[in-house]
N, C-alpha and C. Protein backbone atom coordinates (compact mmCIF):
# COMPACT_ATOMS: atom_id res chain seq x y z
N MET A 1 68.58 117.06 134.96
CA MET A 1 68.87 115.98 135.90
C MET A 1 68.31 114.65 135.37
N THR A 2 67.20 114.73 134.64
CA THR A 2 66.57 113.52 134.11
C THR A 2 67.50 112.78 133.16
N LEU A 3 68.18 113.54 132.28
CA LEU A 3 69.11 112.91 131.33
C LEU A 3 70.26 112.23 132.06
N LEU A 4 70.74 112.85 133.13
CA LEU A 4 71.82 112.25 133.91
C LEU A 4 71.36 110.92 134.51
N VAL A 5 70.21 110.91 135.13
CA VAL A 5 69.69 109.69 135.75
C VAL A 5 69.46 108.62 134.68
N LEU A 6 68.88 109.01 133.55
CA LEU A 6 68.67 108.05 132.46
C LEU A 6 70.01 107.51 131.95
N GLY A 7 70.97 108.41 131.75
CA GLY A 7 72.30 107.98 131.30
C GLY A 7 72.96 107.04 132.29
N LEU A 8 72.84 107.35 133.58
CA LEU A 8 73.40 106.47 134.62
C LEU A 8 72.76 105.10 134.59
N ILE A 9 71.44 105.07 134.53
CA ILE A 9 70.72 103.80 134.53
C ILE A 9 71.12 102.97 133.32
N LEU A 10 71.15 103.59 132.14
CA LEU A 10 71.48 102.83 130.93
C LEU A 10 72.94 102.41 130.89
N PHE A 11 73.86 103.34 131.22
CA PHE A 11 75.28 103.00 131.17
C PHE A 11 75.62 101.92 132.19
N LEU A 12 75.19 102.13 133.42
CA LEU A 12 75.49 101.13 134.45
C LEU A 12 74.70 99.85 134.22
N GLY A 13 73.51 99.98 133.61
CA GLY A 13 72.74 98.79 133.26
C GLY A 13 73.47 97.91 132.26
N VAL A 14 74.02 98.53 131.21
CA VAL A 14 74.80 97.79 130.22
C VAL A 14 75.98 97.10 130.90
N HIS A 15 76.59 97.79 131.83
CA HIS A 15 77.77 97.26 132.51
C HIS A 15 77.43 96.36 133.71
N SER A 16 76.16 96.03 133.85
CA SER A 16 75.73 95.19 134.97
C SER A 16 75.24 93.82 134.54
N THR A 17 75.44 93.45 133.29
CA THR A 17 74.94 92.14 132.86
C THR A 17 75.61 91.01 133.62
N ARG A 18 76.88 91.14 133.96
CA ARG A 18 77.56 90.09 134.73
C ARG A 18 77.08 90.08 136.18
N ILE A 19 76.53 91.19 136.65
CA ILE A 19 76.05 91.28 138.03
C ILE A 19 74.66 90.67 138.14
N PHE A 20 73.76 91.06 137.23
CA PHE A 20 72.35 90.69 137.38
C PHE A 20 71.85 89.69 136.35
N ALA A 21 72.58 89.49 135.26
CA ALA A 21 72.07 88.61 134.20
C ALA A 21 73.20 87.82 133.56
N ASP A 22 74.05 87.23 134.38
CA ASP A 22 75.21 86.51 133.84
C ASP A 22 74.80 85.31 133.00
N GLY A 23 73.75 84.62 133.42
CA GLY A 23 73.25 83.48 132.65
C GLY A 23 72.74 83.91 131.28
N TRP A 24 71.98 84.99 131.26
CA TRP A 24 71.47 85.54 129.99
C TRP A 24 72.62 85.96 129.09
N ARG A 25 73.62 86.61 129.69
CA ARG A 25 74.79 87.06 128.93
C ARG A 25 75.49 85.87 128.29
N THR A 26 75.73 84.83 129.08
CA THR A 26 76.40 83.63 128.57
C THR A 26 75.59 82.98 127.45
N ALA A 27 74.27 82.89 127.64
CA ALA A 27 73.40 82.29 126.61
C ALA A 27 73.41 83.13 125.34
N THR A 28 73.39 84.44 125.48
CA THR A 28 73.39 85.33 124.31
C THR A 28 74.71 85.21 123.56
N ILE A 29 75.81 85.17 124.27
CA ILE A 29 77.11 84.99 123.62
C ILE A 29 77.13 83.65 122.89
N GLY A 30 76.54 82.61 123.50
CA GLY A 30 76.46 81.31 122.85
C GLY A 30 75.66 81.34 121.56
N LYS A 31 74.61 82.17 121.52
CA LYS A 31 73.75 82.26 120.34
C LYS A 31 74.37 83.10 119.23
N ILE A 32 74.89 84.27 119.60
CA ILE A 32 75.35 85.19 118.54
C ILE A 32 76.86 85.18 118.36
N GLY A 33 77.60 84.65 119.31
CA GLY A 33 79.05 84.62 119.23
C GLY A 33 79.69 85.74 120.03
N ALA A 34 80.95 85.55 120.40
CA ALA A 34 81.66 86.52 121.25
C ALA A 34 81.90 87.84 120.53
N LEU A 35 82.29 87.79 119.26
CA LEU A 35 82.61 89.02 118.53
C LEU A 35 81.39 89.91 118.34
N PRO A 36 80.24 89.38 117.88
CA PRO A 36 79.05 90.23 117.80
C PRO A 36 78.61 90.78 119.17
N TRP A 37 78.75 89.95 120.22
CA TRP A 37 78.42 90.42 121.56
C TRP A 37 79.30 91.62 121.94
N LYS A 38 80.60 91.49 121.71
CA LYS A 38 81.53 92.58 122.05
C LYS A 38 81.21 93.82 121.23
N GLY A 39 80.85 93.65 119.96
CA GLY A 39 80.48 94.79 119.13
C GLY A 39 79.24 95.49 119.65
N LEU A 40 78.20 94.71 119.95
CA LEU A 40 76.96 95.27 120.48
C LEU A 40 77.21 95.95 121.82
N TYR A 41 77.97 95.28 122.68
CA TYR A 41 78.31 95.82 124.00
C TYR A 41 79.06 97.15 123.86
N SER A 42 79.99 97.21 122.92
CA SER A 42 80.78 98.43 122.70
C SER A 42 79.91 99.57 122.21
N VAL A 43 79.04 99.29 121.24
CA VAL A 43 78.16 100.33 120.71
C VAL A 43 77.24 100.87 121.81
N LEU A 44 76.64 99.96 122.57
CA LEU A 44 75.76 100.38 123.67
C LEU A 44 76.53 101.15 124.74
N SER A 45 77.75 100.71 125.03
CA SER A 45 78.57 101.40 126.03
C SER A 45 78.88 102.83 125.59
N ILE A 46 79.28 102.99 124.35
CA ILE A 46 79.62 104.33 123.84
C ILE A 46 78.39 105.22 123.82
N ALA A 47 77.26 104.70 123.32
CA ALA A 47 76.04 105.50 123.23
C ALA A 47 75.54 105.91 124.61
N THR A 48 75.53 104.96 125.55
CA THR A 48 75.02 105.30 126.88
C THR A 48 76.00 106.18 127.65
N PHE A 49 77.30 106.03 127.38
CA PHE A 49 78.29 106.92 128.01
C PHE A 49 78.11 108.35 127.49
N ALA A 50 77.86 108.50 126.19
CA ALA A 50 77.62 109.83 125.62
C ALA A 50 76.39 110.47 126.27
N LEU A 51 75.34 109.69 126.45
CA LEU A 51 74.14 110.20 127.11
C LEU A 51 74.44 110.59 128.56
N LEU A 52 75.22 109.77 129.25
CA LEU A 52 75.61 110.05 130.63
C LEU A 52 76.39 111.37 130.72
N VAL A 53 77.37 111.54 129.86
CA VAL A 53 78.18 112.76 129.86
C VAL A 53 77.31 113.98 129.52
N TRP A 54 76.48 113.85 128.51
CA TRP A 54 75.60 114.94 128.12
C TRP A 54 74.68 115.31 129.28
N GLY A 55 74.09 114.31 129.91
CA GLY A 55 73.21 114.55 131.05
C GLY A 55 73.94 115.20 132.20
N PHE A 56 75.18 114.76 132.46
CA PHE A 56 75.98 115.35 133.54
C PHE A 56 76.29 116.82 133.23
N MET A 57 76.68 117.11 132.01
CA MET A 57 77.02 118.49 131.64
C MET A 57 75.79 119.40 131.73
N ARG A 58 74.65 118.90 131.31
CA ARG A 58 73.42 119.70 131.38
C ARG A 58 73.01 119.91 132.84
N ALA A 59 73.11 118.87 133.65
CA ALA A 59 72.72 118.99 135.06
C ALA A 59 73.62 119.96 135.81
N ARG A 60 74.90 120.04 135.41
CA ARG A 60 75.82 120.98 136.06
C ARG A 60 75.45 122.44 135.79
N GLN A 61 74.65 122.69 134.77
CA GLN A 61 74.24 124.06 134.45
C GLN A 61 73.22 124.60 135.44
N ASN A 62 72.53 123.72 136.15
CA ASN A 62 71.57 124.12 137.18
C ASN A 62 71.95 123.44 138.50
N PRO A 63 73.04 123.91 139.12
CA PRO A 63 73.56 123.21 140.30
C PRO A 63 72.64 123.30 141.52
N VAL A 64 72.59 122.20 142.25
CA VAL A 64 71.86 122.14 143.51
C VAL A 64 72.89 121.77 144.58
N LEU A 65 73.21 122.72 145.44
CA LEU A 65 74.21 122.49 146.47
C LEU A 65 73.59 121.76 147.65
N LEU A 66 74.18 120.61 148.00
CA LEU A 66 73.73 119.85 149.17
C LEU A 66 74.57 120.18 150.38
N TRP A 67 75.87 120.36 150.20
CA TRP A 67 76.78 120.76 151.27
C TRP A 67 78.04 121.33 150.63
N THR A 68 78.80 122.04 151.44
CA THR A 68 80.07 122.59 150.99
C THR A 68 81.19 121.81 151.67
N PRO A 69 81.89 120.98 150.91
CA PRO A 69 82.98 120.21 151.51
C PRO A 69 84.13 121.12 151.94
N PRO A 70 84.83 120.76 153.00
CA PRO A 70 86.02 121.53 153.38
C PRO A 70 87.05 121.52 152.24
N VAL A 71 87.79 122.59 152.11
CA VAL A 71 88.80 122.70 151.05
C VAL A 71 89.79 121.55 151.12
N ALA A 72 90.09 121.08 152.30
CA ALA A 72 91.05 119.98 152.46
C ALA A 72 90.61 118.72 151.73
N MET A 73 89.32 118.56 151.50
CA MET A 73 88.82 117.36 150.81
C MET A 73 89.31 117.30 149.37
N ARG A 74 89.58 118.46 148.78
CA ARG A 74 90.14 118.47 147.41
C ARG A 74 91.50 117.80 147.42
N HIS A 75 92.29 118.06 148.46
CA HIS A 75 93.62 117.46 148.56
C HIS A 75 93.52 115.96 148.86
N VAL A 76 92.56 115.60 149.70
CA VAL A 76 92.33 114.18 149.99
C VAL A 76 91.92 113.46 148.70
N ALA A 77 91.03 114.07 147.94
CA ALA A 77 90.58 113.47 146.68
C ALA A 77 91.75 113.30 145.71
N ALA A 78 92.59 114.32 145.60
CA ALA A 78 93.75 114.23 144.71
C ALA A 78 94.68 113.11 145.14
N LEU A 79 94.86 112.94 146.44
CA LEU A 79 95.71 111.87 146.96
C LEU A 79 95.08 110.49 146.69
N LEU A 80 93.77 110.38 146.90
CA LEU A 80 93.09 109.10 146.67
C LEU A 80 93.12 108.69 145.19
N MET A 81 93.24 109.67 144.31
CA MET A 81 93.26 109.34 142.88
C MET A 81 94.55 108.64 142.47
N VAL A 82 95.60 108.75 143.27
CA VAL A 82 96.84 108.01 142.95
C VAL A 82 96.58 106.51 142.98
N PRO A 83 96.09 105.93 144.10
CA PRO A 83 95.81 104.50 144.05
C PRO A 83 94.67 104.15 143.09
N ALA A 84 93.72 105.07 142.89
CA ALA A 84 92.63 104.78 141.96
C ALA A 84 93.17 104.53 140.56
N TRP A 85 94.10 105.37 140.11
CA TRP A 85 94.67 105.18 138.77
C TRP A 85 95.58 103.95 138.71
N ILE A 86 96.32 103.70 139.76
CA ILE A 86 97.18 102.51 139.77
C ILE A 86 96.31 101.25 139.69
N LEU A 87 95.24 101.21 140.47
CA LEU A 87 94.33 100.06 140.43
C LEU A 87 93.67 99.91 139.06
N PHE A 88 93.29 101.04 138.47
CA PHE A 88 92.66 100.98 137.15
C PHE A 88 93.60 100.38 136.12
N VAL A 89 94.83 100.86 136.09
CA VAL A 89 95.82 100.36 135.15
C VAL A 89 96.15 98.89 135.45
N ALA A 90 96.21 98.54 136.72
CA ALA A 90 96.57 97.18 137.13
C ALA A 90 95.60 96.14 136.56
N ALA A 91 94.38 96.53 136.28
CA ALA A 91 93.41 95.60 135.70
C ALA A 91 93.86 95.11 134.33
N TYR A 92 94.73 95.86 133.66
CA TYR A 92 95.14 95.55 132.29
C TYR A 92 96.60 95.10 132.18
N VAL A 93 97.32 95.10 133.28
CA VAL A 93 98.72 94.68 133.28
C VAL A 93 98.79 93.26 133.84
N PRO A 94 99.33 92.32 133.06
CA PRO A 94 99.39 90.94 133.55
C PRO A 94 100.34 90.77 134.74
N ARG A 95 99.97 89.85 135.59
CA ARG A 95 100.82 89.35 136.67
C ARG A 95 101.36 90.46 137.59
N ASN A 96 100.47 91.32 138.05
CA ASN A 96 100.89 92.33 139.02
C ASN A 96 100.28 92.00 140.38
N TRP A 97 100.83 92.59 141.43
CA TRP A 97 100.41 92.29 142.80
C TRP A 97 98.94 92.62 143.02
N PHE A 98 98.47 93.72 142.46
CA PHE A 98 97.10 94.17 142.70
C PHE A 98 96.09 93.16 142.14
N LYS A 99 96.33 92.67 140.93
CA LYS A 99 95.42 91.70 140.33
C LYS A 99 95.55 90.35 141.03
N SER A 100 96.77 89.97 141.36
CA SER A 100 97.00 88.69 142.02
C SER A 100 96.37 88.65 143.40
N ARG A 101 96.47 89.74 144.13
CA ARG A 101 96.00 89.78 145.52
C ARG A 101 94.55 90.24 145.65
N LEU A 102 94.16 91.26 144.87
CA LEU A 102 92.83 91.87 145.01
C LEU A 102 91.83 91.34 143.99
N HIS A 103 92.33 90.71 142.95
CA HIS A 103 91.57 90.01 141.91
C HIS A 103 90.80 90.90 140.94
N HIS A 104 90.19 91.95 141.36
CA HIS A 104 89.39 92.80 140.47
C HIS A 104 89.72 94.27 140.73
N PRO A 105 90.93 94.69 140.39
CA PRO A 105 91.35 96.04 140.74
C PRO A 105 90.55 97.15 140.06
N GLN A 106 89.93 96.87 138.92
CA GLN A 106 89.18 97.94 138.27
C GLN A 106 87.94 98.32 139.08
N PHE A 107 87.23 97.34 139.63
CA PHE A 107 86.10 97.66 140.51
C PHE A 107 86.57 98.46 141.73
N LEU A 108 87.71 98.06 142.30
CA LEU A 108 88.25 98.79 143.45
C LEU A 108 88.65 100.20 143.05
N SER A 109 89.19 100.36 141.85
CA SER A 109 89.54 101.67 141.33
C SER A 109 88.32 102.58 141.27
N VAL A 110 87.23 102.05 140.75
CA VAL A 110 86.00 102.85 140.64
C VAL A 110 85.49 103.23 142.03
N LYS A 111 85.60 102.31 142.99
CA LYS A 111 85.19 102.63 144.36
C LYS A 111 86.00 103.80 144.91
N VAL A 112 87.31 103.73 144.77
CA VAL A 112 88.18 104.79 145.30
C VAL A 112 87.90 106.11 144.57
N TRP A 113 87.77 106.06 143.25
CA TRP A 113 87.47 107.23 142.43
C TRP A 113 86.16 107.89 142.89
N ALA A 114 85.13 107.06 143.09
CA ALA A 114 83.83 107.59 143.49
C ALA A 114 83.89 108.21 144.89
N VAL A 115 84.51 107.52 145.83
CA VAL A 115 84.61 108.05 147.20
C VAL A 115 85.40 109.36 147.19
N ALA A 116 86.51 109.40 146.46
CA ALA A 116 87.32 110.62 146.38
C ALA A 116 86.48 111.80 145.90
N HIS A 117 85.70 111.56 144.86
CA HIS A 117 84.90 112.65 144.29
C HIS A 117 83.69 113.00 145.17
N LEU A 118 83.16 112.04 145.89
CA LEU A 118 82.08 112.35 146.83
C LEU A 118 82.59 113.20 147.99
N LEU A 119 83.83 112.95 148.42
CA LEU A 119 84.41 113.75 149.51
C LEU A 119 84.63 115.20 149.09
N ALA A 120 84.95 115.42 147.82
CA ALA A 120 85.35 116.75 147.36
C ALA A 120 84.21 117.56 146.73
N ASN A 121 83.07 116.94 146.51
CA ASN A 121 81.98 117.62 145.81
C ASN A 121 80.69 117.51 146.60
N GLY A 122 79.95 118.60 146.68
CA GLY A 122 78.71 118.60 147.43
C GLY A 122 77.48 118.92 146.62
N MET A 123 77.58 118.86 145.30
CA MET A 123 76.43 119.13 144.43
C MET A 123 75.61 117.87 144.23
N LEU A 124 74.32 118.03 144.05
CA LEU A 124 73.42 116.90 143.81
C LEU A 124 73.87 116.09 142.60
N VAL A 125 74.27 116.76 141.54
CA VAL A 125 74.70 116.07 140.33
C VAL A 125 75.89 115.16 140.61
N ASP A 126 76.80 115.62 141.46
CA ASP A 126 77.98 114.82 141.82
C ASP A 126 77.59 113.62 142.67
N VAL A 127 76.67 113.83 143.60
CA VAL A 127 76.22 112.73 144.46
C VAL A 127 75.55 111.66 143.61
N LEU A 128 74.73 112.07 142.65
CA LEU A 128 74.08 111.09 141.77
C LEU A 128 75.10 110.33 140.94
N LEU A 129 76.01 111.05 140.30
CA LEU A 129 76.99 110.41 139.43
C LEU A 129 77.93 109.50 140.21
N PHE A 130 78.63 110.07 141.17
CA PHE A 130 79.65 109.30 141.90
C PHE A 130 79.02 108.27 142.84
N GLY A 131 77.88 108.62 143.43
CA GLY A 131 77.17 107.66 144.27
C GLY A 131 76.67 106.47 143.46
N GLY A 132 76.17 106.74 142.26
CA GLY A 132 75.72 105.66 141.38
C GLY A 132 76.86 104.72 141.01
N PHE A 133 78.01 105.30 140.66
CA PHE A 133 79.16 104.47 140.32
C PHE A 133 79.68 103.71 141.54
N LEU A 134 79.61 104.31 142.71
CA LEU A 134 80.06 103.62 143.92
C LEU A 134 79.18 102.39 144.19
N VAL A 135 77.88 102.56 144.12
CA VAL A 135 76.97 101.42 144.33
C VAL A 135 77.24 100.34 143.29
N TRP A 136 77.39 100.74 142.03
CA TRP A 136 77.66 99.78 140.96
C TRP A 136 78.97 99.01 141.22
N ALA A 137 80.02 99.73 141.64
CA ALA A 137 81.31 99.08 141.88
C ALA A 137 81.25 98.10 143.04
N VAL A 138 80.51 98.44 144.09
CA VAL A 138 80.35 97.53 145.22
C VAL A 138 79.62 96.25 144.76
N LEU A 139 78.54 96.43 144.02
CA LEU A 139 77.78 95.27 143.52
C LEU A 139 78.62 94.45 142.53
N GLY A 140 79.34 95.13 141.67
CA GLY A 140 80.17 94.44 140.68
C GLY A 140 81.29 93.65 141.32
N TYR A 141 81.96 94.23 142.30
CA TYR A 141 83.05 93.54 142.98
C TYR A 141 82.52 92.30 143.71
N THR A 142 81.39 92.47 144.39
CA THR A 142 80.78 91.36 145.12
C THR A 142 80.42 90.22 144.16
N ALA A 143 79.80 90.56 143.04
CA ALA A 143 79.41 89.54 142.05
C ALA A 143 80.64 88.85 141.45
N ALA A 144 81.68 89.62 141.16
CA ALA A 144 82.89 89.04 140.57
C ALA A 144 83.57 88.10 141.55
N ARG A 145 83.65 88.48 142.80
CA ARG A 145 84.27 87.61 143.81
C ARG A 145 83.43 86.34 144.00
N ARG A 146 82.11 86.46 143.94
CA ARG A 146 81.24 85.29 144.04
C ARG A 146 81.50 84.34 142.87
N ARG A 147 81.62 84.89 141.65
CA ARG A 147 81.93 84.05 140.48
C ARG A 147 83.28 83.37 140.66
N ASP A 148 84.25 84.09 141.21
CA ASP A 148 85.58 83.51 141.45
C ASP A 148 85.49 82.31 142.40
N ARG A 149 84.71 82.47 143.48
CA ARG A 149 84.58 81.38 144.46
C ARG A 149 83.90 80.17 143.84
N ILE A 150 82.83 80.41 143.07
CA ILE A 150 82.10 79.30 142.45
C ILE A 150 83.00 78.56 141.46
N ALA A 151 83.78 79.30 140.70
CA ALA A 151 84.64 78.69 139.67
C ALA A 151 86.01 78.27 140.21
N ASN A 152 86.25 78.53 141.50
CA ASN A 152 87.57 78.26 142.08
C ASN A 152 88.69 78.91 141.26
N THR A 153 88.49 80.16 140.90
CA THR A 153 89.44 80.88 140.07
C THR A 153 90.76 81.07 140.80
N VAL A 154 91.83 80.75 140.12
CA VAL A 154 93.18 80.95 140.67
C VAL A 154 93.85 82.01 139.81
N TYR A 155 94.32 83.06 140.44
CA TYR A 155 94.99 84.14 139.72
C TYR A 155 96.49 83.86 139.68
N PRO A 156 97.12 84.14 138.54
CA PRO A 156 98.56 83.89 138.44
C PRO A 156 99.32 84.71 139.48
N PRO A 157 100.43 84.17 139.97
CA PRO A 157 101.22 84.93 140.95
C PRO A 157 101.79 86.20 140.32
N ALA A 158 101.97 87.17 141.16
CA ALA A 158 102.51 88.46 140.70
C ALA A 158 104.00 88.35 140.42
N THR A 159 104.46 89.21 139.53
CA THR A 159 105.89 89.36 139.30
C THR A 159 106.26 90.79 139.65
N THR A 160 107.51 91.00 139.97
CA THR A 160 107.98 92.36 140.26
C THR A 160 107.79 93.23 139.03
N GLN A 161 108.11 92.69 137.87
CA GLN A 161 107.99 93.45 136.63
C GLN A 161 106.54 93.90 136.40
N GLY A 162 105.58 92.99 136.54
CA GLY A 162 104.18 93.34 136.35
C GLY A 162 103.72 94.40 137.33
N THR A 163 104.15 94.28 138.58
CA THR A 163 103.75 95.25 139.60
C THR A 163 104.37 96.61 139.34
N VAL A 164 105.65 96.64 138.98
CA VAL A 164 106.32 97.92 138.69
C VAL A 164 105.66 98.59 137.49
N ILE A 165 105.35 97.82 136.46
CA ILE A 165 104.69 98.40 135.28
C ILE A 165 103.34 98.99 135.66
N ALA A 166 102.56 98.27 136.47
CA ALA A 166 101.25 98.76 136.88
C ALA A 166 101.38 100.07 137.67
N VAL A 167 102.32 100.12 138.60
CA VAL A 167 102.49 101.32 139.43
C VAL A 167 102.99 102.50 138.60
N VAL A 168 104.02 102.28 137.80
CA VAL A 168 104.59 103.37 137.00
C VAL A 168 103.58 103.87 135.97
N ALA A 169 102.93 102.95 135.28
CA ALA A 169 101.93 103.36 134.28
C ALA A 169 100.76 104.09 134.96
N GLY A 170 100.33 103.60 136.12
CA GLY A 170 99.26 104.26 136.86
C GLY A 170 99.64 105.67 137.28
N LEU A 171 100.88 105.85 137.72
CA LEU A 171 101.36 107.18 138.11
C LEU A 171 101.43 108.12 136.91
N ILE A 172 101.88 107.59 135.78
CA ILE A 172 101.94 108.42 134.56
C ILE A 172 100.54 108.86 134.14
N VAL A 173 99.60 107.92 134.14
CA VAL A 173 98.22 108.27 133.77
C VAL A 173 97.66 109.28 134.76
N TYR A 174 97.94 109.10 136.04
CA TYR A 174 97.48 110.05 137.05
C TYR A 174 97.99 111.46 136.76
N VAL A 175 99.27 111.59 136.51
CA VAL A 175 99.87 112.91 136.26
C VAL A 175 99.27 113.54 135.02
N VAL A 176 99.18 112.77 133.94
CA VAL A 176 98.63 113.31 132.69
C VAL A 176 97.18 113.73 132.89
N PHE A 177 96.41 112.89 133.55
CA PHE A 177 95.00 113.21 133.75
C PHE A 177 94.82 114.39 134.71
N ALA A 178 95.53 114.36 135.83
CA ALA A 178 95.34 115.40 136.85
C ALA A 178 95.80 116.77 136.38
N PHE A 179 96.91 116.82 135.66
CA PHE A 179 97.47 118.12 135.28
C PHE A 179 96.99 118.64 133.94
N TRP A 180 96.48 117.76 133.07
CA TRP A 180 96.07 118.22 131.75
C TRP A 180 94.66 117.79 131.37
N LEU A 181 94.38 116.51 131.37
CA LEU A 181 93.13 116.03 130.81
C LEU A 181 91.89 116.36 131.64
N HIS A 182 91.99 116.33 132.96
CA HIS A 182 90.82 116.59 133.80
C HIS A 182 90.26 117.98 133.54
N GLY A 183 91.12 118.97 133.47
CA GLY A 183 90.66 120.33 133.19
C GLY A 183 90.05 120.45 131.81
N TRP A 184 90.67 119.82 130.84
CA TRP A 184 90.21 119.90 129.45
C TRP A 184 88.88 119.15 129.28
N LEU A 185 88.78 117.95 129.84
CA LEU A 185 87.59 117.13 129.65
C LEU A 185 86.44 117.50 130.58
N VAL A 186 86.74 117.82 131.84
CA VAL A 186 85.72 118.03 132.85
C VAL A 186 85.50 119.50 133.17
N GLY A 187 86.51 120.31 132.89
CA GLY A 187 86.39 121.74 133.19
C GLY A 187 86.84 122.10 134.60
N VAL A 188 87.41 121.15 135.31
CA VAL A 188 87.91 121.38 136.67
C VAL A 188 89.37 120.96 136.69
N LYS A 189 90.23 121.89 137.12
CA LYS A 189 91.66 121.60 137.21
C LYS A 189 92.00 121.28 138.67
N PRO A 190 92.30 120.02 138.96
CA PRO A 190 92.61 119.66 140.35
C PRO A 190 93.80 120.42 140.92
N PHE A 191 94.75 120.78 140.06
CA PHE A 191 95.94 121.48 140.53
C PHE A 191 96.09 122.82 139.83
N GLY A 192 94.96 123.46 139.53
CA GLY A 192 95.05 124.72 138.80
C GLY A 192 94.53 125.90 139.54
């Protein structure tokens, strides 16, 4: 469990510089440049993600049951993952309704993903992992919206094409992940 908590703290810490240290981040990018910053950020992200995954896999070997969710929650979680994947993809598709209207769909995606998995899982390891990501996504979304207000950020209007691409691509990723990758990567088959 210790490795999981350490991995969570480090991974989410790396991904929290815009939340808690935006001034430091900006100053550091000014000193070393954007490309070295992105390289350092990427290396730290990969290393801390590996630690997080390793800690999660080890913690799952000694499960601590907090509650047993109703079987129906698995179906609710599977349903919630549809908008979670669409929102996740929408963060990378230009000029779609989700980005234009919601502004930070990736944070919202993580919120939905975390809530879905908290509803369907009652192990301590799951509560730590998904609860940690949920708290991070709430803080991240709040900080991003605050930055938008301060900077008077205007998001480009959505186009039908951008929105359709986001929805279709999100659905494709959902199907591939739910029916194949989730079982292979996580060891749990949502539809198996």
